[in-house]
């Protein structure tokens, strides 16, 4: 895999948002949680499906800030349209640990 250029990296919008709703995605082929995430006034509210059921319960995600790629094209996942890609760290057992800021920050701030 070749190195990214700085301009390529700058095009990826990694932004922080706060989960405003979360529920089990019953129609998903692989266990997942449907998330509604508030990225602030500049980006708005976006939906995503995240395969994070090994370590997270929907009720525990409400109010949690996380980092997502907000400028990917929308993707149809079953009956829902995913509008961003939630980021996390894939463990050797297949579980995912969410990438989160260690202190609260304003929704919509970009990772730099």
PDB file of N, CA and C in Angstrom:
ATOM      1  N   UNK A   1       0.847  -1.175   0.000  1.00  0.00           N
ATOM      2  CA  UNK A   1       0.000   0.000   0.000  1.00  0.00           C
ATOM      3  C   UNK A   1       0.895   1.241   0.000  1.00  0.00           C
ATOM      4  N   UNK A   2       0.601   2.181  -0.862  1.00  0.00           N
ATOM      5  CA  UNK A   2       1.445   3.368  -0.951  1.00  0.00           C
ATOM      6  C   UNK A   2       1.012   4.427   0.072  1.00  0.00           C
ATOM      7  N   UNK A   3       1.954   5.314   0.397  1.00  0.00           N
ATOM      8  CA  UNK A   3       1.671   6.388   1.342  1.00  0.00           C
ATOM      9  C   UNK A   3       0.671   7.374   0.753  1.00  0.00           C
ATOM     10  N   UNK A   4      -0.144   7.950   1.631  1.00  0.00           N
ATOM     11  CA  UNK A   4      -1.052   9.026   1.231  1.00  0.00           C
ATOM     12  C   UNK A   4      -0.268  10.318   1.074  1.00  0.00           C
ATOM     13  N   UNK A   5      -0.747  11.164   0.230  1.00  0.00           N
ATOM     14  CA  UNK A   5      -0.192  12.515   0.186  1.00  0.00           C
ATOM     15  C   UNK A   5      -0.935  13.338   1.235  1.00  0.00           C
ATOM     16  N   UNK A   6      -0.335  14.465   1.629  1.00  0.00           N
ATOM     17  CA  UNK A   6      -0.983  15.323   2.610  1.00  0.00           C
ATOM     18  C   UNK A   6      -2.341  15.798   2.080  1.00  0.00           C
ATOM     19  N   UNK A   7      -2.422  16.154   0.814  1.00  0.00           N
ATOM     20  CA  UNK A   7      -3.689  16.644   0.250  1.00  0.00           C
ATOM     21  C   UNK A   7      -4.754  15.541   0.257  1.00  0.00           C
ATOM     22  N   UNK A   8      -4.361  14.282   0.074  1.00  0.00           N
ATOM     23  CA  UNK A   8      -5.324  13.184   0.147  1.00  0.00           C
ATOM     24  C   UNK A   8      -5.875  13.051   1.573  1.00  0.00           C
ATOM     25  N   UNK A   9      -5.013  13.132   2.560  1.00  0.00           N
ATOM     26  CA  UNK A   9      -5.440  13.036   3.957  1.00  0.00           C
ATOM     27  C   UNK A   9      -6.386  14.191   4.315  1.00  0.00           C
ATOM     28  N   UNK A  10      -6.071  15.386   3.832  1.00  0.00           N
ATOM     29  CA  UNK A  10      -6.893  16.556   4.151  1.00  0.00           C
ATOM     30  C   UNK A  10      -8.319  16.429   3.618  1.00  0.00           C
ATOM     31  N   UNK A  11      -8.523  15.621   2.608  1.00  0.00           N
ATOM     32  CA  UNK A  11      -9.859  15.437   2.033  1.00  0.00           C
ATOM     33  C   UNK A  11     -10.765  14.587   2.921  1.00  0.00           C
ATOM     34  N   UNK A  12     -10.180  13.780   3.814  1.00  0.00           N
ATOM     35  CA  UNK A  12     -10.973  12.922   4.696  1.00  0.00           C
ATOM     36  C   UNK A  12     -11.477  13.762   5.866  1.00  0.00           C
ATOM     37  N   UNK A  13     -12.784  13.898   5.966  1.00  0.00           N
ATOM     38  CA  UNK A  13     -13.380  14.666   7.050  1.00  0.00           C
ATOM     39  C   UNK A  13     -13.680  13.741   8.227  1.00  0.00           C
ATOM     40  N   UNK A  14     -12.756  13.692   9.175  1.00  0.00           N
ATOM     41  CA  UNK A  14     -12.951  12.955  10.417  1.00  0.00           C
ATOM     42  C   UNK A  14     -13.462  13.960  11.439  1.00  0.00           C
ATOM     43  N   UNK A  15     -14.725  13.822  11.819  1.00  0.00           N
ATOM     44  CA  UNK A  15     -15.371  14.800  12.685  1.00  0.00           C
ATOM     45  C   UNK A  15     -15.961  14.127  13.906  1.00  0.00           C
ATOM     46  N   UNK A  16     -16.105  14.909  14.972  1.00  0.00           N
ATOM     47  CA  UNK A  16     -16.699  14.399  16.202  1.00  0.00           C
ATOM     48  C   UNK A  16     -18.185  14.712  16.230  1.00  0.00           C
ATOM     49  N   UNK A  17     -18.947  13.755  16.728  1.00  0.00           N
ATOM     50  CA  UNK A  17     -20.384  13.938  16.880  1.00  0.00           C
ATOM     51  C   UNK A  17     -20.868  13.239  18.131  1.00  0.00           C
ATOM     52  N   UNK A  18     -22.065  13.600  18.567  1.00  0.00           N
ATOM     53  CA  UNK A  18     -22.668  13.004  19.755  1.00  0.00           C
ATOM     54  C   UNK A  18     -23.855  12.141  19.346  1.00  0.00           C
ATOM     55  N   UNK A  19     -23.888  10.921  19.861  1.00  0.00           N
ATOM     56  CA  UNK A  19     -24.979   9.992  19.561  1.00  0.00           C
ATOM     57  C   UNK A  19     -26.262  10.502  20.235  1.00  0.00           C
ATOM     58  N   UNK A  20     -27.302  10.711  19.424  1.00  0.00           N
ATOM     59  CA  UNK A  20     -28.576  11.173  19.968  1.00  0.00           C
ATOM     60  C   UNK A  20     -29.615  10.054  20.035  1.00  0.00           C
ATOM     61  N   UNK A  21     -29.428   9.008  19.240  1.00  0.00           N
ATOM     62  CA  UNK A  21     -30.276   7.823  19.370  1.00  0.00           C
ATOM     63  C   UNK A  21     -29.504   6.598  18.884  1.00  0.00           C
ATOM     64  N   UNK A  22     -29.872   5.463  19.452  1.00  0.00           N
ATOM     65  CA  UNK A  22     -29.212   4.200  19.101  1.00  0.00           C
ATOM     66  C   UNK A  22     -30.204   3.060  19.333  1.00  0.00           C
ATOM     67  N   UNK A  23     -30.219   2.128  18.382  1.00  0.00           N
ATOM     68  CA  UNK A  23     -31.091   0.966  18.517  1.00  0.00           C
ATOM     69  C   UNK A  23     -30.489  -0.206  17.757  1.00  0.00           C
ATOM     70  N   UNK A  24     -30.838  -1.401  18.190  1.00  0.00           N
ATOM     71  CA  UNK A  24     -30.376  -2.596  17.484  1.00  0.00           C
ATOM     72  C   UNK A  24     -30.930  -2.566  16.062  1.00  0.00           C
ATOM     73  N   UNK A  25     -30.072  -2.856  15.113  1.00  0.00           N
ATOM     74  CA  UNK A  25     -30.447  -2.887  13.693  1.00  0.00           C
ATOM     75  C   UNK A  25     -30.892  -4.311  13.372  1.00  0.00           C
ATOM     76  N   UNK A  26     -32.158  -4.590  13.584  1.00  0.00           N
ATOM     77  CA  UNK A  26     -32.701  -5.944  13.470  1.00  0.00           C
ATOM     78  C   UNK A  26     -32.586  -6.521  12.067  1.00  0.00           C
ATOM     79  N   UNK A  27     -32.643  -5.663  11.045  1.00  0.00           N
ATOM     80  CA  UNK A  27     -32.616  -6.149   9.658  1.00  0.00           C
ATOM     81  C   UNK A  27     -31.204  -6.384   9.123  1.00  0.00           C
ATOM     82  N   UNK A  28     -30.182  -6.018   9.872  1.00  0.00           N
ATOM     83  CA  UNK A  28     -28.802  -6.158   9.402  1.00  0.00           C
ATOM     84  C   UNK A  28     -28.409  -7.633   9.293  1.00  0.00           C
ATOM     85  N   UNK A  29     -27.601  -7.954   8.290  1.00  0.00           N
ATOM     86  CA  UNK A  29     -27.119  -9.330   8.122  1.00  0.00           C
ATOM     87  C   UNK A  29     -26.159  -9.711   9.242  1.00  0.00           C
ATOM     88  N   UNK A  30     -25.284  -8.767   9.640  1.00  0.00           N
ATOM     89  CA  UNK A  30     -24.379  -8.972  10.771  1.00  0.00           C
ATOM     90  C   UNK A  30     -24.870  -8.082  11.901  1.00  0.00           C
ATOM     91  N   UNK A  31     -24.759  -8.530  13.164  1.00  0.00           N
ATOM     92  CA  UNK A  31     -25.252  -7.715  14.277  1.00  0.00           C
ATOM     93  C   UNK A  31     -24.691  -6.292  14.230  1.00  0.00           C
ATOM     94  N   UNK A  32     -25.587  -5.315  14.352  1.00  0.00           N
ATOM     95  CA  UNK A  32     -25.186  -3.913  14.250  1.00  0.00           C
ATOM     96  C   UNK A  32     -26.139  -3.048  15.075  1.00  0.00           C
ATOM     97  N   UNK A  33     -25.721  -1.808  15.266  1.00  0.00           N
ATOM     98  CA  UNK A  33     -26.532  -0.808  15.950  1.00  0.00           C
ATOM     99  C   UNK A  33     -26.739   0.359  14.995  1.00  0.00           C
ATOM    100  N   UNK A  34     -27.998   0.817  14.874  1.00  0.00           N
ATOM    101  CA  UNK A  34     -28.316   2.018  14.095  1.00  0.00           C
ATOM    102  C   UNK A  34     -28.059   3.219  14.992  1.00  0.00           C
ATOM    103  N   UNK A  35     -27.282   4.167  14.494  1.00  0.00           N
ATOM    104  CA  UNK A  35     -26.936   5.365  15.260  1.00  0.00           C
ATOM    105  C   UNK A  35     -27.424   6.609  14.544  1.00  0.00           C
ATOM    106  N   UNK A  36     -27.922   7.565  15.314  1.00  0.00           N
ATOM    107  CA  UNK A  36     -28.190   8.906  14.823  1.00  0.00           C
ATOM    108  C   UNK A  36     -27.234   9.808  15.576  1.00  0.00           C
ATOM    109  N   UNK A  37     -26.423  10.572  14.824  1.00  0.00           N
ATOM    110  CA  UNK A  37     -25.308  11.313  15.409  1.00  0.00           C
ATOM    111  C   UNK A  37     -25.421  12.789  15.050  1.00  0.00           C
ATOM    112  N   UNK A  38     -25.288  13.643  16.058  1.00  0.00           N
ATOM    113  CA  UNK A  38     -25.336  15.094  15.863  1.00  0.00           C
ATOM    114  C   UNK A  38     -23.913  15.610  15.672  1.00  0.00           C
ATOM    115  N   UNK A  39     -23.631  16.113  14.468  1.00  0.00           N
ATOM    116  CA  UNK A  39     -22.316  16.672  14.155  1.00  0.00           C
ATOM    117  C   UNK A  39     -22.318  18.199  14.189  1.00  0.00           C
ATOM    118  N   UNK A  40     -23.305  18.799  14.829  1.00  0.00           N
ATOM    119  CA  UNK A  40     -23.338  20.249  14.958  1.00  0.00           C
ATOM    120  C   UNK A  40     -23.926  20.930  13.739  1.00  0.00           C
ATOM    121  N   UNK A  41     -23.988  22.258  13.815  1.00  0.00           N
ATOM    122  CA  UNK A  41     -24.648  23.051  12.775  1.00  0.00           C
ATOM    123  C   UNK A  41     -24.009  22.927  11.397  1.00  0.00           C
ATOM    124  N   UNK A  42     -22.686  22.813  11.333  1.00  0.00           N
ATOM    125  CA  UNK A  42     -22.017  22.821  10.028  1.00  0.00           C
ATOM    126  C   UNK A  42     -22.235  21.527   9.241  1.00  0.00           C
ATOM    127  N   UNK A  43     -22.419  20.413   9.932  1.00  0.00           N
ATOM    128  CA  UNK A  43     -22.588  19.112   9.263  1.00  0.00           C
ATOM    129  C   UNK A  43     -24.005  18.594   9.427  1.00  0.00           C
ATOM    130  N   UNK A  44     -24.566  18.766  10.595  1.00  0.00           N
ATOM    131  CA  UNK A  44     -25.930  18.327  10.863  1.00  0.00           C
ATOM    132  C   UNK A  44     -26.015  16.937  11.462  1.00  0.00           C
ATOM    133  N   UNK A  45     -27.191  16.359  11.374  1.00  0.00           N
ATOM    134  CA  UNK A  45     -27.484  15.025  11.913  1.00  0.00           C
ATOM    135  C   UNK A  45     -27.251  14.003  10.804  1.00  0.00           C
ATOM    136  N   UNK A  46     -26.535  12.931  11.150  1.00  0.00           N
ATOM    137  CA  UNK A  46     -26.299  11.853  10.183  1.00  0.00           C
ATOM    138  C   UNK A  46     -26.601  10.516  10.841  1.00  0.00           C
ATOM    139  N   UNK A  47     -26.941   9.538   9.995  1.00  0.00           N
ATOM    140  CA  UNK A  47     -27.226   8.177  10.467  1.00  0.00           C
ATOM    141  C   UNK A  47     -26.117   7.237  10.025  1.00  0.00           C
ATOM    142  N   UNK A  48     -25.930   6.199  10.831  1.00  0.00           N
ATOM    143  CA  UNK A  48     -24.917   5.202  10.493  1.00  0.00           C
ATOM    144  C   UNK A  48     -25.311   3.858  11.092  1.00  0.00           C
ATOM    145  N   UNK A  49     -24.757   2.816  10.526  1.00  0.00           N
ATOM    146  CA  UNK A  49     -24.879   1.467  11.068  1.00  0.00           C
ATOM    147  C   UNK A  49     -23.473   1.043  11.490  1.00  0.00           C
ATOM    148  N   UNK A  50     -23.357   0.574  12.728  1.00  0.00           N
ATOM    149  CA  UNK A  50     -22.038   0.195  13.234  1.00  0.00           C
ATOM    150  C   UNK A  50     -22.084  -1.214  13.830  1.00  0.00           C
ATOM    151  N   UNK A  51     -21.133  -2.041  13.424  1.00  0.00           N
ATOM    152  CA  UNK A  51     -21.053  -3.406  13.950  1.00  0.00           C
ATOM    153  C   UNK A  51     -20.241  -3.387  15.248  1.00  0.00           C
ATOM    154  N   UNK A  52     -20.894  -2.903  16.306  1.00  0.00           N
ATOM    155  CA  UNK A  52     -20.218  -2.701  17.594  1.00  0.00           C
ATOM    156  C   UNK A  52     -20.957  -3.389  18.736  1.00  0.00           C
ATOM    157  N   UNK A  53     -21.787  -4.387  18.403  1.00  0.00           N
ATOM    158  CA  UNK A  53     -22.652  -5.016  19.405  1.00  0.00           C
ATOM    159  C   UNK A  53     -21.904  -5.884  20.413  1.00  0.00           C
ATOM    160  N   UNK A  54     -20.669  -6.269  20.121  1.00  0.00           N
ATOM    161  CA  UNK A  54     -19.914  -7.097  21.067  1.00  0.00           C
ATOM    162  C   UNK A  54     -19.607  -6.342  22.360  1.00  0.00           C
ATOM    163  N   UNK A  55     -19.351  -5.043  22.252  1.00  0.00           N
ATOM    164  CA  UNK A  55     -18.899  -4.282  23.414  1.00  0.00           C
ATOM    165  C   UNK A  55     -19.836  -3.151  23.835  1.00  0.00           C
ATOM    166  N   UNK A  56     -20.864  -2.857  23.027  1.00  0.00           N
ATOM    167  CA  UNK A  56     -21.713  -1.709  23.308  1.00  0.00           C
ATOM    168  C   UNK A  56     -23.189  -2.074  23.257  1.00  0.00           C
ATOM    169  N   UNK A  57     -23.954  -1.474  24.170  1.00  0.00           N
ATOM    170  CA  UNK A  57     -25.410  -1.565  24.188  1.00  0.00           C
ATOM    171  C   UNK A  57     -25.958  -0.221  23.718  1.00  0.00           C
ATOM    172  N   UNK A  58     -27.047  -0.226  22.964  1.00  0.00           N
ATOM    173  CA  UNK A  58     -27.588   1.039  22.478  1.00  0.00           C
ATOM    174  C   UNK A  58     -27.795   2.090  23.576  1.00  0.00           C
ATOM    175  N   UNK A  59     -28.343   1.696  24.715  1.00  0.00           N
ATOM    176  CA  UNK A  59     -28.630   2.662  25.780  1.00  0.00           C
ATOM    177  C   UNK A  59     -27.370   3.336  26.306  1.00  0.00           C
ATOM    178  N   UNK A  60     -26.241   2.647  26.237  1.00  0.00           N
ATOM    179  CA  UNK A  60     -24.980   3.205  26.740  1.00  0.00           C
ATOM    180  C   UNK A  60     -24.321   4.162  25.749  1.00  0.00           C
ATOM    181  N   UNK A  61     -24.807   4.191  24.517  1.00  0.00           N
ATOM    182  CA  UNK A  61     -24.212   5.043  23.486  1.00  0.00           C
ATOM    183  C   UNK A  61     -24.827   6.437  23.429  1.00  0.00           C
ATOM    184  N   UNK A  62     -26.030   6.596  23.984  1.00  0.00           N
ATOM    185  CA  UNK A  62     -26.706   7.892  23.961  1.00  0.00           C
ATOM    186  C   UNK A  62     -25.851   8.909  24.727  1.00  0.00           C
ATOM    187  N   UNK A  63     -25.540  10.024  24.063  1.00  0.00           N
ATOM    188  CA  UNK A  63     -24.721  11.070  24.677  1.00  0.00           C
ATOM    189  C   UNK A  63     -23.226  10.876  24.503  1.00  0.00           C
ATOM    190  N   UNK A  64     -22.817   9.737  23.951  1.00  0.00           N
ATOM    191  CA  UNK A  64     -21.390   9.451  23.749  1.00  0.00           C
ATOM    192  C   UNK A  64     -20.887  10.169  22.498  1.00  0.00           C
ATOM    193  N   UNK A  65     -19.733  10.790  22.615  1.00  0.00           N
ATOM    194  CA  UNK A  65     -19.108  11.388  21.439  1.00  0.00           C
ATOM    195  C   UNK A  65     -18.237  10.345  20.756  1.00  0.00           C
ATOM    196  N   UNK A  66     -18.195  10.402  19.432  1.00  0.00           N
ATOM    197  CA  UNK A  66     -17.362   9.484  18.660  1.00  0.00           C
ATOM    198  C   UNK A  66     -16.845  10.198  17.419  1.00  0.00           C
ATOM    199  N   UNK A  67     -15.922   9.554  16.751  1.00  0.00           N
ATOM    200  CA  UNK A  67     -15.306  10.123  15.556  1.00  0.00           C
ATOM    201  C   UNK A  67     -15.797   9.334  14.340  1.00  0.00           C
ATOM    202  N   UNK A  68     -16.196  10.064  13.297  1.00  0.00           N
ATOM    203  CA  UNK A  68     -16.700   9.422  12.085  1.00  0.00           C
ATOM    204  C   UNK A  68     -16.198  10.156  10.852  1.00  0.00           C
ATOM    205  N   UNK A  69     -16.116   9.420   9.757  1.00  0.00           N
ATOM    206  CA  UNK A  69     -15.839  10.030   8.454  1.00  0.00           C
ATOM    207  C   UNK A  69     -17.178  10.545   7.953  1.00  0.00           C
ATOM    208  N   UNK A  70     -17.251  11.860   7.733  1.00  0.00           N
ATOM    209  CA  UNK A  70     -18.540  12.470   7.379  1.00  0.00           C
ATOM    210  C   UNK A  70     -18.668  12.836   5.901  1.00  0.00           C
ATOM    211  N   UNK A  71     -17.630  12.568   5.119  1.00  0.00           N
ATOM    212  CA  UNK A  71     -17.730  12.929   3.695  1.00  0.00           C
ATOM    213  C   UNK A  71     -17.621  11.725   2.755  1.00  0.00           C
ATOM    214  N   UNK A  72     -17.995  10.539   3.227  1.00  0.00           N
ATOM    215  CA  UNK A  72     -18.150   9.388   2.343  1.00  0.00           C
ATOM    216  C   UNK A  72     -19.490   9.497   1.632  1.00  0.00           C
ATOM    217  N   UNK A  73     -19.630   8.879   0.467  1.00  0.00           N
ATOM    218  CA  UNK A  73     -20.955   8.831  -0.165  1.00  0.00           C
ATOM    219  C   UNK A  73     -21.911   8.014   0.708  1.00  0.00           C
ATOM    220  N   UNK A  74     -23.193   8.324   0.626  1.00  0.00           N
ATOM    221  CA  UNK A  74     -24.195   7.547   1.352  1.00  0.00           C
ATOM    222  C   UNK A  74     -24.177   6.113   0.845  1.00  0.00           C
ATOM    223  N   UNK A  75     -24.532   5.177   1.750  1.00  0.00           N
ATOM    224  CA  UNK A  75     -24.527   3.758   1.377  1.00  0.00           C
ATOM    225  C   UNK A  75     -25.791   3.096   1.915  1.00  0.00           C
ATOM    226  N   UNK A  76     -26.495   2.399   1.032  1.00  0.00           N
ATOM    227  CA  UNK A  76     -27.690   1.671   1.452  1.00  0.00           C
ATOM    228  C   UNK A  76     -27.271   0.421   2.207  1.00  0.00           C
ATOM    229  N   UNK A  77     -27.748   0.281   3.450  1.00  0.00           N
ATOM    230  CA  UNK A  77     -27.483  -0.912   4.248  1.00  0.00           C
ATOM    231  C   UNK A  77     -28.843  -1.445   4.683  1.00  0.00           C
ATOM    232  N   UNK A  78     -29.304  -2.488   3.997  1.00  0.00           N
ATOM    233  CA  UNK A  78     -30.644  -2.989   4.263  1.00  0.00           C
ATOM    234  C   UNK A  78     -31.650  -1.875   4.022  1.00  0.00           C
ATOM    235  N   UNK A  79     -32.566  -1.654   4.965  1.00  0.00           N
ATOM    236  CA  UNK A  79     -33.591  -0.632   4.767  1.00  0.00           C
ATOM    237  C   UNK A  79     -33.151   0.790   5.136  1.00  0.00           C
ATOM    238  N   UNK A  80     -31.905   0.973   5.584  1.00  0.00           N
ATOM    239  CA  UNK A  80     -31.474   2.314   5.974  1.00  0.00           C
ATOM    240  C   UNK A  80     -30.349   2.825   5.083  1.00  0.00           C
ATOM    241  N   UNK A  81     -30.239   4.143   5.016  1.00  0.00           N
ATOM    242  CA  UNK A  81     -29.171   4.794   4.268  1.00  0.00           C
ATOM    243  C   UNK A  81     -28.134   5.283   5.274  1.00  0.00           C
ATOM    244  N   UNK A  82     -26.935   4.717   5.214  1.00  0.00           N
ATOM    245  CA  UNK A  82     -25.852   5.144   6.094  1.00  0.00           C
ATOM    246  C   UNK A  82     -25.207   6.392   5.501  1.00  0.00           C
ATOM    247  N   UNK A  83     -25.017   7.419   6.343  1.00  0.00           N
ATOM    248  CA  UNK A  83     -24.535   8.710   5.863  1.00  0.00           C
ATOM    249  C   UNK A  83     -23.138   9.064   6.358  1.00  0.00           C
ATOM    250  N   UNK A  84     -22.562   8.222   7.214  1.00  0.00           N
ATOM    251  CA  UNK A  84     -21.207   8.456   7.703  1.00  0.00           C
ATOM    252  C   UNK A  84     -20.621   7.125   8.158  1.00  0.00           C
ATOM    253  N   UNK A  85     -19.310   7.092   8.341  1.00  0.00           N
ATOM    254  CA  UNK A  85     -18.623   5.878   8.769  1.00  0.00           C
ATOM    255  C   UNK A  85     -18.051   6.103  10.163  1.00  0.00           C
ATOM    256  N   UNK A  86     -18.615   5.411  11.138  1.00  0.00           N
ATOM    257  CA  UNK A  86     -18.128   5.481  12.510  1.00  0.00           C
ATOM    258  C   UNK A  86     -16.791   4.750  12.576  1.00  0.00           C
ATOM    259  N   UNK A  87     -15.807   5.341  13.267  1.00  0.00           N
ATOM    260  CA  UNK A  87     -14.478   4.745  13.321  1.00  0.00           C
ATOM    261  C   UNK A  87     -14.243   4.009  14.630  1.00  0.00           C
ATOM    262  N   UNK A  88     -13.404   3.000  14.563  1.00  0.00           N
ATOM    263  CA  UNK A  88     -13.062   2.216  15.741  1.00  0.00           C
ATOM    264  C   UNK A  88     -11.863   1.339  15.445  1.00  0.00           C
ATOM    265  N   UNK A  89     -11.466   0.616  16.472  1.00  0.00           N
ATOM    266  CA  UNK A  89     -10.287  -0.242  16.393  1.00  0.00           C
ATOM    267  C   UNK A  89     -10.731  -1.697  16.439  1.00  0.00           C
ATOM    268  N   UNK A  90     -10.423  -2.431  15.360  1.00  0.00           N
ATOM    269  CA  UNK A  90     -10.808  -3.829  15.242  1.00  0.00           C
ATOM    270  C   UNK A  90      -9.856  -4.690  16.067  1.00  0.00           C
ATOM    271  N   UNK A  91     -10.409  -5.407  17.039  1.00  0.00           N
ATOM    272  CA  UNK A  91      -9.622  -6.286  17.900  1.00  0.00           C
ATOM    273  C   UNK A  91      -9.445  -7.654  17.235  1.00  0.00           C
ATOM    274  N   UNK A  92      -8.493  -8.430  17.732  1.00  0.00           N
ATOM    275  CA  UNK A  92      -8.217  -9.749  17.146  1.00  0.00           C
ATOM    276  C   UNK A  92      -9.422 -10.688  17.252  1.00  0.00           C
ATOM    277  N   UNK A  93     -10.314 -10.460  18.233  1.00  0.00           N
ATOM    278  CA  UNK A  93     -11.498 -11.310  18.380  1.00  0.00           C
ATOM    279  C   UNK A  93     -12.668 -10.842  17.516  1.00  0.00           C
ATOM    280  N   UNK A  94     -12.458  -9.774  16.732  1.00  0.00           N
ATOM    281  CA  UNK A  94     -13.498  -9.268  15.853  1.00  0.00           C
ATOM    282  C   UNK A  94     -14.333  -8.144  16.457  1.00  0.00           C
ATOM    283  N   UNK A  95     -14.172  -7.887  17.740  1.00  0.00           N
ATOM    284  CA  UNK A  95     -14.920  -6.790  18.357  1.00  0.00           C
ATOM    285  C   UNK A  95     -14.284  -5.451  17.975  1.00  0.00           C
ATOM    286  N   UNK A  96     -15.065  -4.383  18.108  1.00  0.00           N
ATOM    287  CA  UNK A  96     -14.610  -3.049  17.743  1.00  0.00           C
ATOM    288  C   UNK A  96     -14.709  -2.126  18.950  1.00  0.00           C
ATOM    289  N   UNK A  97     -13.620  -1.401  19.218  1.00  0.00           N
ATOM    290  CA  UNK A  97     -13.601  -0.371  20.247  1.00  0.00           C
ATOM    291  C   UNK A  97     -13.695   0.963  19.525  1.00  0.00           C
ATOM    292  N   UNK A  98     -14.710   1.756  19.868  1.00  0.00           N
ATOM    293  CA  UNK A  98     -14.931   3.035  19.194  1.00  0.00           C
ATOM    294  C   UNK A  98     -13.765   3.997  19.391  1.00  0.00           C
ATOM    295  N   UNK A  99     -13.486   4.790  18.352  1.00  0.00           N
ATOM    296  CA  UNK A  99     -12.522   5.885  18.445  1.00  0.00           C
ATOM    297  C   UNK A  99     -13.286   7.091  18.990  1.00  0.00           C
ATOM    298  N   UNK A 100     -12.865   7.579  20.152  1.00  0.00           N
ATOM    299  CA  UNK A 100     -13.576   8.662  20.834  1.00  0.00           C
ATOM    300  C   UNK A 100     -12.580   9.693  21.357  1.00  0.00           C
ATOM    301  N   UNK A 101     -13.019  10.958  21.479  1.00  0.00           N
ATOM    302  CA  UNK A 101     -12.150  11.948  22.122  1.00  0.00           C
ATOM    303  C   UNK A 101     -12.088  11.667  23.621  1.00  0.00           C
ATOM    304  N   UNK A 102     -10.968  11.989  24.253  1.00  0.00           N
ATOM    305  CA  UNK A 102     -10.865  11.705  25.690  1.00  0.00           C
ATOM    306  C   UNK A 102     -11.429  12.822  26.558  1.00  0.00           C
ATOM    307  N   UNK A 103     -11.785  13.947  25.946  1.00  0.00           N
ATOM    308  CA  UNK A 103     -12.480  15.030  26.622  1.00  0.00           C
ATOM    309  C   UNK A 103     -13.596  15.504  25.696  1.00  0.00           C
ATOM    310  N   UNK A 104     -14.662  16.075  26.278  1.00  0.00           N
ATOM    311  CA  UNK A 104     -15.772  16.548  25.451  1.00  0.00           C
ATOM    312  C   UNK A 104     -15.319  17.725  24.594  1.00  0.00           C
ATOM    313  N   UNK A 105     -15.716  17.696  23.332  1.00  0.00           N
ATOM    314  CA  UNK A 105     -15.406  18.768  22.396  1.00  0.00           C
ATOM    315  C   UNK A 105     -16.687  19.160  21.659  1.00  0.00           C
ATOM    316  N   UNK A 106     -16.646  20.256  20.938  1.00  0.00           N
ATOM    317  CA  UNK A 106     -17.823  20.713  20.190  1.00  0.00           C
ATOM    318  C   UNK A 106     -18.104  19.788  19.024  1.00  0.00           C
ATOM    319  N   UNK A 107     -19.382  19.439  18.847  1.00  0.00           N
ATOM    320  CA  UNK A 107     -19.780  18.617  17.716  1.00  0.00           C
ATOM    321  C   UNK A 107     -19.379  19.289  16.417  1.00  0.00           C
ATOM    322  N   UNK A 108     -18.868  18.487  15.488  1.00  0.00           N
ATOM    323  CA  UNK A 108     -18.479  18.976  14.177  1.00  0.00           C
ATOM    324  C   UNK A 108     -17.002  19.307  14.046  1.00  0.00           C
ATOM    325  N   UNK A 109     -16.277  19.363  15.173  1.00  0.00           N
ATOM    326  CA  UNK A 109     -14.840  19.639  15.052  1.00  0.00           C
ATOM    327  C   UNK A 109     -14.158  18.531  14.276  1.00  0.00           C
ATOM    328  N   UNK A 110     -13.214  18.914  13.440  1.00  0.00           N
ATOM    329  CA  UNK A 110     -12.467  17.942  12.632  1.00  0.00           C
ATOM    330  C   UNK A 110     -11.210  17.496  13.346  1.00  0.00           C
ATOM    331  N   UNK A 111     -10.885  16.242  13.164  1.00  0.00           N
ATOM    332  CA  UNK A 111      -9.632  15.705  13.664  1.00  0.00           C
ATOM    333  C   UNK A 111      -8.511  16.371  12.887  1.00  0.00           C
ATOM    334  N   UNK A 112      -7.478  16.806  13.598  1.00  0.00           N
ATOM    335  CA  UNK A 112      -6.355  17.453  12.904  1.00  0.00           C
ATOM    336  C   UNK A 112      -5.042  16.830  13.308  1.00  0.00           C
TER     337      UNK A 112
END
